[in-house]
């Protein structure tokens, strides 16, 4: 037809819903969960702009508004900047050490040809993920104690002359926490990269073998390019979570001697917000964390878009 544009066939929304009703029903519980536990609590952000102290018979809108008072208090507190240093320091260590190791581990595991040995390694490295941080902290406290296996080995090889008290040395604390995180999550974090590797066409490896490529060359020219998109997506998400590293390992392995290096943002909220009944102050820190995380996420996504030519998320 001359002069006429073909219009796409648009189905009524009700027909689409009826056709996809089973998929919608499957997703519905997760939508309800997200609304209840992720979106409804945002109403509580109002506390950050109030002097909130729970009182019987008072609604959320009955408390006096104080504007940005709690944010100003936060940015004027010298402890906040020390806490941010610790948070970002441990986050960067985790990013530069804990992020590439699961990729390397997944590639090495993929090269193992003995199926039984491969399954044994997978199982033994996945298990620590299901161990609580209380047990992990106990394990690391034991092996790094004065009579622990680490000191015994260092003494045996004459690297040191007397036992070292690792948990009384503040500058070692970041390395200890990063090591514990890597040990606990290495196997679990490698799962997604193993899945990405298995999606690579096996004929590519066969063709490379016929052409005389070594295993290292196959990894460099087939495996790494094949999982590059997955690596980039996970990296962007990791950057978005940099400021939210939790507090369990720092809380359980920290002590009064290493507090200057152990206190992170979530512990700061616990100690100077919730424990002291400063709920408005704690909420202000939570909003700060969310805003910074969003900025980091979108900045990383923007950089990835310029690099790859398309948005990652």
Foldseek 3Di string as FASTA:
>chain_A
DPPDDDDDDDDDPVVVCVVCVVVCVVCVVVVVVCCVPPPVCVVVLLLLQFQDFDDPPDDPVRTDGNGNVLVVVLVVDPLNVLQACLLLVLLVLCLVPVQCLLLVVLLVLVPDPPPVVSVVVLVVQQVLLPDDLLVLLVVLCQQLAQPHPVQVVCVVVVVDVGGDNQQLDQVCVSVSVSVSVNSRCSSVVNVVLNVQQVPFDVVLVVVCVVVPHDSVRCCVPGSCVSCVLVSLLVSLLSQLCSLPPDQSNLVNSHDPSNVSNSNHLVNCLVPVNVVVSNPSSSSSSVVVSNVSSVVRNVVSQVVVCVVVVHGSD
